[in-house]
Amino acid sequence: MNHDAPELGEAHYELVISVDARRSGEYDDVDKQHMRARIYRVLETALTHARVGRDAVHLEDRGDGVLLSVPGRIAVTRLLGLWLIEVHEKLRDENRGLRVPLGLRIGMHVGPVRHDDRGISGRAVDLACRLADSAVARQLLDAEKADLVLVTSQSLYEDVVSSGGKFIEPAHYSPARLELKEGEVTAWFHLPGRPAPVIPVTPSPFAAAVAEAAETTADFADTRPKSGPGPVADPGRRPDPAGTHYTVQGDMSQHHDNVYQQPVHIGRITDRDTEQQKGGAE
């Protein structure tokens, strides 16, 4: 019996770690098995090297990732520092020679966690998972061609990361605002072994709607008749409006049958009008 295991139903402050694989949906069934095996080798080897007892950590399978929670008696700095370094190094080893390298997104947050017979739950769990699954985390992995991105909550950054420590460099983190289901939050992003990342610009839903409306308007404008020479008008027929040529010269325009005597006028000039104007002048 593990006397250190949390009692069922009681909330305990723990470090929650959500680990997701990059583009897991693109793996076929056979490759997904290999991908899952690599994730577990990376995480468990890192726990051993960081001297974190495997029996002290709750580990939950998530299909294309893993959810962990670490009790408060284990220093959070060890996971943010040495454990993360070991994860990165083991991941690089696993990726050597792979045609499609494994990429990991890791979200971390400390908060109340409840255990039951099926796993863990609580807002702290939800937030850690949201951070790992955020659009910015996905974009950073692609834009930086990185193997690993860490995302911490604002409170974890302020309480632990900002103070630094062994293998923890707060200057190598960059903040970004995220729009989550629960509302906007600030998160901090870190690429191990690299300086503070440049956060990619993610358009807001409002900006995306405006851009889509502008594109629709531009598409509609392209379908309208373009100005230019129209077909020669038949003297026995009224001109086809689709073939009408609109002309503006300086501040005035002229039309034989429909002249507006204002300072500025945009009228119609057809070939028939031009011939009639010449006849009148003679």
C-alpha atoms as a PDB file:
ATOM      1  CA  MET A   1       0.000   0.000   0.000  1.00  0.00           C
ATOM      2  CA  ASN A   2       1.284   3.446  -0.898  1.00  0.00           C
ATOM      3  CA  HIS A   3       0.826   5.642   2.181  1.00  0.00           C
ATOM      4  CA  ASP A   4       1.854   8.711   0.151  1.00  0.00           C
ATOM      5  CA  ALA A   5      -1.106   8.366  -2.220  1.00  0.00           C
ATOM      6  CA  PRO A   6      -3.664  11.192  -1.858  1.00  0.00           C
ATOM      7  CA  GLU A   7      -7.015  10.319  -0.354  1.00  0.00           C
ATOM      8  CA  LEU A   8      -9.842   9.963  -2.844  1.00  0.00           C
ATOM      9  CA  GLY A   9     -12.039  13.029  -3.219  1.00  0.00           C
ATOM     10  CA  GLU A  10      -9.733  15.394  -1.348  1.00  0.00           C
ATOM     11  CA  ALA A  11      -8.072  18.268  -3.209  1.00  0.00           C
ATOM     12  CA  HIS A  12      -4.296  18.522  -2.905  1.00  0.00           C
ATOM     13  CA  TYR A  13      -2.060  21.171  -4.446  1.00  0.00           C
ATOM     14  CA  GLU A  14       0.039  19.399  -7.040  1.00  0.00           C
ATOM     15  CA  LEU A  15       2.043  20.179 -10.139  1.00  0.00           C
ATOM     16  CA  VAL A  16       0.027  19.116 -13.189  1.00  0.00           C
ATOM     17  CA  ILE A  17       1.933  18.302 -16.382  1.00  0.00           C
ATOM     18  CA  SER A  18       0.108  17.764 -19.667  1.00  0.00           C
ATOM     19  CA  VAL A  19       2.159  16.259 -22.507  1.00  0.00           C
ATOM     20  CA  ASP A  20       0.810  16.211 -26.077  1.00  0.00           C
ATOM     21  CA  ALA A  21       2.371  14.914 -29.287  1.00  0.00           C
ATOM     22  CA  ARG A  22       2.611  17.163 -32.314  1.00  0.00           C
ATOM     23  CA  ARG A  23       0.188  16.274 -35.142  1.00  0.00           C
ATOM     24  CA  SER A  24      -0.696  12.937 -33.613  1.00  0.00           C
ATOM     25  CA  GLY A  25      -3.606  12.562 -36.013  1.00  0.00           C
ATOM     26  CA  GLU A  26      -1.205  12.243 -38.946  1.00  0.00           C
ATOM     27  CA  TYR A  27       0.270   8.971 -37.638  1.00  0.00           C
ATOM     28  CA  ASP A  28      -1.181   5.719 -38.939  1.00  0.00           C
ATOM     29  CA  ASP A  29      -2.056   2.955 -36.468  1.00  0.00           C
ATOM     30  CA  VAL A  30       1.357   1.285 -36.578  1.00  0.00           C
ATOM     31  CA  ASP A  31       3.374   4.516 -36.340  1.00  0.00           C
ATOM     32  CA  LYS A  32       1.154   5.748 -33.516  1.00  0.00           C
ATOM     33  CA  GLN A  33       2.192   2.756 -31.413  1.00  0.00           C
ATOM     34  CA  HIS A  34       5.854   3.633 -31.941  1.00  0.00           C
ATOM     35  CA  MET A  35       5.111   7.292 -31.168  1.00  0.00           C
ATOM     36  CA  ARG A  36       3.424   6.396 -27.874  1.00  0.00           C
ATOM     37  CA  ALA A  37       6.327   4.135 -26.890  1.00  0.00           C
ATOM     38  CA  ARG A  38       8.772   7.000 -27.528  1.00  0.00           C
ATOM     39  CA  ILE A  39       6.767   9.390 -25.343  1.00  0.00           C
ATOM     40  CA  TYR A  40       6.838   6.991 -22.401  1.00  0.00           C
ATOM     41  CA  ARG A  41      10.566   6.302 -22.833  1.00  0.00           C
ATOM     42  CA  VAL A  42      11.272  10.032 -22.863  1.00  0.00           C
ATOM     43  CA  LEU A  43       9.176  10.856 -19.789  1.00  0.00           C
ATOM     44  CA  GLU A  44      10.142   7.877 -17.639  1.00  0.00           C
ATOM     45  CA  THR A  45      13.850   8.120 -18.459  1.00  0.00           C
ATOM     46  CA  ALA A  46      13.751  11.804 -17.516  1.00  0.00           C
ATOM     47  CA  LEU A  47      12.034  10.996 -14.198  1.00  0.00           C
ATOM     48  CA  THR A  48      14.775   8.489 -13.365  1.00  0.00           C
ATOM     49  CA  HIS A  49      17.596  10.902 -14.248  1.00  0.00           C
ATOM     50  CA  ALA A  50      15.926  13.705 -12.272  1.00  0.00           C
ATOM     51  CA  ARG A  51      15.661  11.360  -9.290  1.00  0.00           C
ATOM     52  CA  VAL A  52      11.873  11.568  -9.124  1.00  0.00           C
ATOM     53  CA  GLY A  53      10.437   8.262  -7.949  1.00  0.00           C
ATOM     54  CA  ARG A  54       8.082   6.746 -10.509  1.00  0.00           C
ATOM     55  CA  ASP A  55       5.771   5.520  -7.724  1.00  0.00           C
ATOM     56  CA  ALA A  56       5.435   9.099  -6.445  1.00  0.00           C
ATOM     57  CA  VAL A  57       4.014  10.398  -9.719  1.00  0.00           C
ATOM     58  CA  HIS A  58       0.483   9.907 -10.977  1.00  0.00           C
ATOM     59  CA  LEU A  59       0.635   9.061 -14.693  1.00  0.00           C
ATOM     60  CA  GLU A  60      -2.442   8.841 -16.899  1.00  0.00           C
ATOM     61  CA  ASP A  61      -2.550   7.770 -20.540  1.00  0.00           C
ATOM     62  CA  ARG A  62      -4.271  10.177 -22.958  1.00  0.00           C
ATOM     63  CA  GLY A  63      -3.890   8.296 -26.231  1.00  0.00           C
ATOM     64  CA  ASP A  64      -1.717  10.832 -28.016  1.00  0.00           C
ATOM     65  CA  GLY A  65      -0.144  12.113 -24.811  1.00  0.00           C
ATOM     66  CA  VAL A  66       0.272  11.683 -21.070  1.00  0.00           C
ATOM     67  CA  LEU A  67      -1.107  13.509 -18.043  1.00  0.00           C
ATOM     68  CA  LEU A  68       1.009  13.617 -14.886  1.00  0.00           C
ATOM     69  CA  SER A  69       0.588  15.059 -11.418  1.00  0.00           C
ATOM     70  CA  VAL A  70       3.418  15.435  -8.912  1.00  0.00           C
ATOM     71  CA  PRO A  71       2.784  15.825  -5.154  1.00  0.00           C
ATOM     72  CA  GLY A  72       3.904  18.934  -3.320  1.00  0.00           C
ATOM     73  CA  ARG A  73       6.654  17.115  -1.399  1.00  0.00           C
ATOM     74  CA  ILE A  74       8.686  17.007  -4.642  1.00  0.00           C
ATOM     75  CA  ALA A  75      10.151  20.406  -5.502  1.00  0.00           C
ATOM     76  CA  VAL A  76       8.547  22.008  -8.531  1.00  0.00           C
ATOM     77  CA  THR A  77      11.956  23.442  -9.451  1.00  0.00           C
ATOM     78  CA  ARG A  78      13.254  19.917 -10.058  1.00  0.00           C
ATOM     79  CA  LEU A  79      10.567  19.321 -12.684  1.00  0.00           C
ATOM     80  CA  LEU A  80      10.949  22.762 -14.272  1.00  0.00           C
ATOM     81  CA  GLY A  81      14.724  22.456 -14.256  1.00  0.00           C
ATOM     82  CA  LEU A  82      16.503  19.110 -14.336  1.00  0.00           C
ATOM     83  CA  TRP A  83      13.520  17.003 -15.456  1.00  0.00           C
ATOM     84  CA  LEU A  84      12.768  19.301 -18.407  1.00  0.00           C
ATOM     85  CA  ILE A  85      16.432  19.232 -19.467  1.00  0.00           C
ATOM     86  CA  GLU A  86      16.390  15.433 -19.373  1.00  0.00           C
ATOM     87  CA  VAL A  87      13.152  15.300 -21.361  1.00  0.00           C
ATOM     88  CA  HIS A  88      14.676  17.505 -24.042  1.00  0.00           C
ATOM     89  CA  GLU A  89      17.891  15.498 -24.269  1.00  0.00           C
ATOM     90  CA  LYS A  90      16.108  12.121 -24.396  1.00  0.00           C
ATOM     91  CA  LEU A  91      13.680  13.463 -26.998  1.00  0.00           C
ATOM     92  CA  ARG A  92      16.579  14.562 -29.193  1.00  0.00           C
ATOM     93  CA  ASP A  93      18.067  11.079 -28.910  1.00  0.00           C
ATOM     94  CA  GLU A  94      14.772   9.478 -29.934  1.00  0.00           C
ATOM     95  CA  ASN A  95      14.439  11.804 -32.932  1.00  0.00           C
ATOM     96  CA  ARG A  96      17.836  11.026 -34.440  1.00  0.00           C
ATOM     97  CA  GLY A  97      17.318   9.377 -37.798  1.00  0.00           C
ATOM     98  CA  LEU A  98      13.516   9.710 -37.748  1.00  0.00           C
ATOM     99  CA  ARG A  99      11.908  10.897 -40.974  1.00  0.00           C
ATOM    100  CA  VAL A 100       9.151  12.578 -38.924  1.00  0.00           C
ATOM    101  CA  PRO A 101      10.607  13.773 -35.580  1.00  0.00           C
ATOM    102  CA  LEU A 102       8.449  13.542 -32.494  1.00  0.00           C
ATOM    103  CA  GLY A 103       7.458  16.966 -31.180  1.00  0.00           C
ATOM    104  CA  LEU A 104       6.088  17.506 -27.680  1.00  0.00           C
ATOM    105  CA  ARG A 105       4.017  20.308 -26.160  1.00  0.00           C
ATOM    106  CA  ILE A 106       4.129  20.421 -22.345  1.00  0.00           C
ATOM    107  CA  GLY A 107       1.747  22.491 -20.226  1.00  0.00           C
ATOM    108  CA  MET A 108       2.380  23.039 -16.500  1.00  0.00           C
ATOM    109  CA  HIS A 109       0.304  24.514 -13.694  1.00  0.00           C
ATOM    110  CA  VAL A 110       0.104  24.128  -9.913  1.00  0.00           C
ATOM    111  CA  GLY A 111      -3.304  23.974  -8.278  1.00  0.00           C
ATOM    112  CA  PRO A 112      -5.878  21.839  -6.428  1.00  0.00           C
ATOM    113  CA  VAL A 113      -6.170  18.329  -7.877  1.00  0.00           C
ATOM    114  CA  ARG A 114      -8.720  15.672  -6.959  1.00  0.00           C
ATOM    115  CA  HIS A 115      -7.988  11.961  -7.376  1.00  0.00           C
ATOM    116  CA  ASP A 116     -10.522   9.213  -7.908  1.00  0.00           C
ATOM    117  CA  ASP A 117     -10.452   5.630  -9.173  1.00  0.00           C
ATOM    118  CA  ARG A 118     -10.312   6.796 -12.798  1.00  0.00           C
ATOM    119  CA  GLY A 119      -7.692   9.545 -12.588  1.00  0.00           C
ATOM    120  CA  ILE A 120      -7.417  13.218 -11.696  1.00  0.00           C
ATOM    121  CA  SER A 121      -9.638  16.238 -12.224  1.00  0.00           C
ATOM    122  CA  GLY A 122      -9.959  19.914 -11.365  1.00  0.00           C
ATOM    123  CA  ARG A 123      -9.434  23.322 -12.888  1.00  0.00           C
ATOM    124  CA  ALA A 124      -5.684  22.945 -12.507  1.00  0.00           C
ATOM    125  CA  VAL A 125      -5.847  19.872 -14.743  1.00  0.00           C
ATOM    126  CA  ASP A 126      -8.009  21.674 -17.297  1.00  0.00           C
ATOM    127  CA  LEU A 127      -5.654  24.658 -17.471  1.00  0.00           C
ATOM    128  CA  ALA A 128      -2.510  22.551 -17.898  1.00  0.00           C
ATOM    129  CA  CYS A 129      -4.174  20.695 -20.773  1.00  0.00           C
ATOM    130  CA  ARG A 130      -5.386  23.928 -22.395  1.00  0.00           C
ATOM    131  CA  LEU A 131      -1.883  25.413 -22.241  1.00  0.00           C
ATOM    132  CA  ALA A 132      -0.311  22.405 -23.933  1.00  0.00           C
ATOM    133  CA  ASP A 133      -3.006  22.390 -26.596  1.00  0.00           C
ATOM    134  CA  SER A 134      -2.905  26.144 -27.306  1.00  0.00           C
ATOM    135  CA  ALA A 135      -2.517  27.480 -30.838  1.00  0.00           C
ATOM    136  CA  VAL A 136       0.602  29.444 -29.851  1.00  0.00           C
ATOM    137  CA  ALA A 137       2.316  26.276 -28.582  1.00  0.00           C
ATOM    138  CA  ARG A 138       1.519  24.506 -31.853  1.00  0.00           C
ATOM    139  CA  GLN A 139       2.729  27.432 -33.955  1.00  0.00           C
ATOM    140  CA  LEU A 140       5.974  27.795 -32.006  1.00  0.00           C
ATOM    141  CA  LEU A 141       6.925  24.148 -32.599  1.00  0.00           C
ATOM    142  CA  ASP A 142       6.448  24.623 -36.341  1.00  0.00           C
ATOM    143  CA  ALA A 143       7.870  28.132 -36.689  1.00  0.00           C
ATOM    144  CA  GLU A 144      11.010  27.333 -34.657  1.00  0.00           C
ATOM    145  CA  LYS A 145      11.372  23.765 -35.949  1.00  0.00           C
ATOM    146  CA  ALA A 146      11.730  22.737 -32.311  1.00  0.00           C
ATOM    147  CA  ASP A 147      11.371  19.346 -30.612  1.00  0.00           C
ATOM    148  CA  LEU A 148       9.810  20.667 -27.417  1.00  0.00           C
ATOM    149  CA  VAL A 149       7.874  23.674 -26.134  1.00  0.00           C
ATOM    150  CA  LEU A 150       6.989  24.305 -22.488  1.00  0.00           C
ATOM    151  CA  VAL A 151       3.992  26.458 -21.517  1.00  0.00           C
ATOM    152  CA  THR A 152       3.526  27.515 -17.900  1.00  0.00           C
ATOM    153  CA  SER A 153       0.663  29.346 -16.279  1.00  0.00           C
ATOM    154  CA  GLN A 154       1.078  32.928 -15.099  1.00  0.00           C
ATOM    155  CA  SER A 155       0.987  31.903 -11.429  1.00  0.00           C
ATOM    156  CA  LEU A 156       3.611  29.187 -11.911  1.00  0.00           C
ATOM    157  CA  TYR A 157       5.886  31.627 -13.714  1.00  0.00           C
ATOM    158  CA  GLU A 158       5.481  34.286 -11.009  1.00  0.00           C
ATOM    159  CA  ASP A 159       5.825  31.900  -8.052  1.00  0.00           C
ATOM    160  CA  VAL A 160       8.640  29.668  -9.316  1.00  0.00           C
ATOM    161  CA  VAL A 161      10.148  30.470 -12.717  1.00  0.00           C
ATOM    162  CA  SER A 162      10.706  34.196 -12.117  1.00  0.00           C
ATOM    163  CA  SER A 163      12.974  33.422  -9.153  1.00  0.00           C
ATOM    164  CA  GLY A 164      15.242  31.271 -11.302  1.00  0.00           C
ATOM    165  CA  GLY A 165      17.147  28.278 -10.035  1.00  0.00           C
ATOM    166  CA  LYS A 166      19.228  25.377 -11.309  1.00  0.00           C
ATOM    167  CA  PHE A 167      18.509  24.964 -15.043  1.00  0.00           C
ATOM    168  CA  ILE A 168      15.723  27.580 -14.803  1.00  0.00           C
ATOM    169  CA  GLU A 169      16.306  30.825 -16.721  1.00  0.00           C
ATOM    170  CA  PRO A 170      13.319  33.206 -16.558  1.00  0.00           C
ATOM    171  CA  ALA A 171      14.845  35.442 -19.256  1.00  0.00           C
ATOM    172  CA  HIS A 172      14.337  32.592 -21.730  1.00  0.00           C
ATOM    173  CA  TYR A 173      10.534  32.719 -21.348  1.00  0.00           C
ATOM    174  CA  SER A 174       8.124  34.888 -23.368  1.00  0.00           C
ATOM    175  CA  PRO A 175       4.548  35.788 -22.351  1.00  0.00           C
ATOM    176  CA  ALA A 176       1.451  35.662 -24.544  1.00  0.00           C
ATOM    177  CA  ARG A 177      -2.268  36.168 -24.041  1.00  0.00           C
ATOM    178  CA  LEU A 178      -4.361  33.101 -24.817  1.00  0.00           C
ATOM    179  CA  GLU A 179      -8.089  32.952 -25.486  1.00  0.00           C
ATOM    180  CA  LEU A 180      -9.260  29.765 -23.772  1.00  0.00           C
ATOM    181  CA  LYS A 181     -12.756  28.390 -23.203  1.00  0.00           C
ATOM    182  CA  GLU A 182     -12.634  29.726 -19.657  1.00  0.00           C
ATOM    183  CA  GLY A 183     -11.537  33.213 -20.838  1.00  0.00           C
ATOM    184  CA  GLU A 184      -8.284  35.033 -21.523  1.00  0.00           C
ATOM    185  CA  VAL A 185      -5.166  34.047 -19.598  1.00  0.00           C
ATOM    186  CA  THR A 186      -1.474  34.908 -19.707  1.00  0.00           C
ATOM    187  CA  ALA A 187       0.927  32.028 -20.370  1.00  0.00           C
ATOM    188  CA  TRP A 188       4.715  31.819 -20.594  1.00  0.00           C
ATOM    189  CA  PHE A 189       6.488  29.959 -23.395  1.00  0.00           C
ATOM    190  CA  HIS A 190       9.946  28.392 -23.346  1.00  0.00           C
ATOM    191  CA  LEU A 191      11.979  26.411 -25.866  1.00  0.00           C
ATOM    192  CA  PRO A 192      14.685  24.482 -23.946  1.00  0.00           C
ATOM    193  CA  GLY A 193      18.217  25.347 -25.018  1.00  0.00           C
ATOM    194  CA  ARG A 194      17.124  28.518 -26.833  1.00  0.00           C
ATOM    195  CA  PRO A 195      16.627  32.208 -26.002  1.00  0.00           C
ATOM    196  CA  ALA A 196      13.180  33.633 -25.327  1.00  0.00           C
ATOM    197  CA  PRO A 197      11.009  32.789 -28.336  1.00  0.00           C
ATOM    198  CA  VAL A 198       9.279  35.335 -30.547  1.00  0.00           C
ATOM    199  CA  ILE A 199       5.573  34.761 -30.059  1.00  0.00           C
ATOM    200  CA  PRO A 200       3.751  34.291 -33.392  1.00  0.00           C
ATOM    201  CA  VAL A 201       0.920  36.693 -34.099  1.00  0.00           C
ATOM    202  CA  THR A 202      -2.417  34.921 -33.801  1.00  0.00           C
ATOM    203  CA  PRO A 203      -5.349  36.957 -35.155  1.00  0.00           C
ATOM    204  CA  SER A 204      -8.325  37.319 -32.848  1.00  0.00           C
ATOM    205  CA  PRO A 205     -11.720  35.945 -33.951  1.00  0.00           C
ATOM    206  CA  PHE A 206     -12.883  39.534 -34.609  1.00  0.00           C
ATOM    207  CA  ALA A 207      -9.867  40.265 -36.799  1.00  0.00           C
ATOM    208  CA  ALA A 208     -10.409  37.006 -38.666  1.00  0.00           C
ATOM    209  CA  ALA A 209     -14.061  37.940 -39.303  1.00  0.00           C
ATOM    210  CA  VAL A 210     -13.048  41.359 -40.619  1.00  0.00           C
ATOM    211  CA  ALA A 211     -10.455  39.793 -42.929  1.00  0.00           C
ATOM    212  CA  GLU A 212     -13.013  37.293 -44.217  1.00  0.00           C
ATOM    213  CA  ALA A 213     -15.532  40.089 -44.901  1.00  0.00           C
ATOM    214  CA  ALA A 214     -12.887  42.085 -46.762  1.00  0.00           C
ATOM    215  CA  GLU A 215     -11.992  39.069 -48.876  1.00  0.00           C
ATOM    216  CA  THR A 216     -15.669  38.476 -49.705  1.00  0.00           C
ATOM    217  CA  THR A 217     -16.048  42.125 -50.742  1.00  0.00           C
ATOM    218  CA  ALA A 218     -12.979  41.878 -52.960  1.00  0.00           C
ATOM    219  CA  ASP A 219     -14.319  38.711 -54.602  1.00  0.00           C
ATOM    220  CA  PHE A 220     -17.632  40.463 -55.294  1.00  0.00           C
ATOM    221  CA  ALA A 221     -15.841  43.455 -56.810  1.00  0.00           C
ATOM    222  CA  ASP A 222     -13.978  41.153 -59.191  1.00  0.00           C
ATOM    223  CA  THR A 223     -17.302  39.921 -60.610  1.00  0.00           C
ATOM    224  CA  ARG A 224     -18.521  43.401 -61.551  1.00  0.00           C
ATOM    225  CA  PRO A 225     -18.098  44.626 -65.178  1.00  0.00           C
ATOM    226  CA  LYS A 226     -14.717  46.211 -65.733  1.00  0.00           C
ATOM    227  CA  SER A 227     -14.477  49.624 -67.393  1.00  0.00           C
ATOM    228  CA  GLY A 228     -13.113  49.545 -70.903  1.00  0.00           C
ATOM    229  CA  PRO A 229     -14.161  49.693 -74.578  1.00  0.00           C
ATOM    230  CA  GLY A 230     -17.528  48.017 -75.153  1.00  0.00           C
ATOM    231  CA  PRO A 231     -18.922  46.546 -78.369  1.00  0.00           C
ATOM    232  CA  VAL A 232     -19.959  48.859 -81.216  1.00  0.00           C
ATOM    233  CA  ALA A 233     -23.569  49.958 -80.693  1.00  0.00           C
ATOM    234  CA  ASP A 234     -26.201  49.105 -83.280  1.00  0.00           C
ATOM    235  CA  PRO A 235     -27.918  52.393 -84.339  1.00  0.00           C
ATOM    236  CA  GLY A 236     -31.256  50.598 -84.354  1.00  0.00           C
ATOM    237  CA  ARG A 237     -30.949  49.309 -80.795  1.00  0.00           C
ATOM    238  CA  ARG A 238     -30.498  50.787 -77.389  1.00  0.00           C
ATOM    239  CA  PRO A 239     -26.940  50.236 -76.103  1.00  0.00           C
ATOM    240  CA  ASP A 240     -26.373  47.185 -73.945  1.00  0.00           C
ATOM    241  CA  PRO A 241     -25.582  48.510 -70.439  1.00  0.00           C
ATOM    242  CA  ALA A 242     -23.054  45.719 -69.975  1.00  0.00           C
ATOM    243  CA  GLY A 243     -21.067  47.078 -72.909  1.00  0.00           C
ATOM    244  CA  THR A 244     -21.338  50.747 -71.951  1.00  0.00           C
ATOM    245  CA  HIS A 245     -18.092  52.694 -71.654  1.00  0.00           C
ATOM    246  CA  TYR A 246     -17.931  55.126 -68.765  1.00  0.00           C
ATOM    247  CA  THR A 247     -15.519  58.013 -69.291  1.00  0.00           C
ATOM    248  CA  VAL A 248     -14.326  60.757 -66.959  1.00  0.00           C
ATOM    249  CA  GLN A 249     -12.177  63.597 -68.247  1.00  0.00           C
ATOM    250  CA  GLY A 250     -10.920  66.172 -65.781  1.00  0.00           C
ATOM    251  CA  ASP A 251     -13.850  67.487 -63.767  1.00  0.00           C
ATOM    252  CA  MET A 252     -16.493  67.038 -66.499  1.00  0.00           C
ATOM    253  CA  SER A 253     -18.032  64.271 -68.584  1.00  0.00           C
ATOM    254  CA  GLN A 254     -20.442  64.555 -71.500  1.00  0.00           C
ATOM    255  CA  HIS A 255     -23.386  62.597 -72.845  1.00  0.00           C
ATOM    256  CA  HIS A 256     -25.386  63.504 -75.961  1.00  0.00           C
ATOM    257  CA  ASP A 257     -28.883  62.714 -74.652  1.00  0.00           C
ATOM    258  CA  ASN A 258     -28.347  63.045 -70.947  1.00  0.00           C
ATOM    259  CA  VAL A 259     -26.130  65.997 -70.050  1.00  0.00           C
ATOM    260  CA  TYR A 260     -25.981  67.008 -66.425  1.00  0.00           C
ATOM    261  CA  GLN A 261     -24.724  70.565 -66.086  1.00  0.00           C
ATOM    262  CA  GLN A 262     -22.901  70.256 -62.782  1.00  0.00           C
ATOM    263  CA  PRO A 263     -19.224  70.872 -61.938  1.00  0.00           C
ATOM    264  CA  VAL A 264     -18.578  67.126 -61.771  1.00  0.00           C
ATOM    265  CA  HIS A 265     -20.436  64.562 -63.878  1.00  0.00           C
ATOM    266  CA  ILE A 266     -19.883  60.905 -64.672  1.00  0.00           C
ATOM    267  CA  GLY A 267     -21.923  60.119 -67.778  1.00  0.00           C
ATOM    268  CA  ARG A 268     -22.030  57.627 -70.621  1.00  0.00           C
ATOM    269  CA  ILE A 269     -20.433  58.031 -74.019  1.00  0.00           C
ATOM    270  CA  THR A 270     -21.189  55.459 -76.688  1.00  0.00           C
ATOM    271  CA  ASP A 271     -19.999  55.276 -80.264  1.00  0.00           C
ATOM    272  CA  ARG A 272     -23.439  56.463 -81.437  1.00  0.00           C
ATOM    273  CA  ASP A 273     -23.214  59.480 -79.157  1.00  0.00           C
ATOM    274  CA  THR A 274     -19.789  60.322 -80.537  1.00  0.00           C
ATOM    275  CA  GLU A 275     -21.043  60.215 -84.159  1.00  0.00           C
ATOM    276  CA  GLN A 276     -24.085  62.366 -83.311  1.00  0.00           C
ATOM    277  CA  GLN A 277     -21.857  64.905 -81.524  1.00  0.00           C
ATOM    278  CA  LYS A 278     -19.654  65.127 -84.628  1.00  0.00           C
ATOM    279  CA  GLY A 279     -22.732  65.615 -86.870  1.00  0.00           C
ATOM    280  CA  GLY A 280     -24.057  68.364 -84.641  1.00  0.00           C
ATOM    281  CA  ALA A 281     -20.717  70.136 -84.709  1.00  0.00           C
ATOM    282  CA  GLU A 282     -20.735  70.120 -88.525  1.00  0.00           C
END
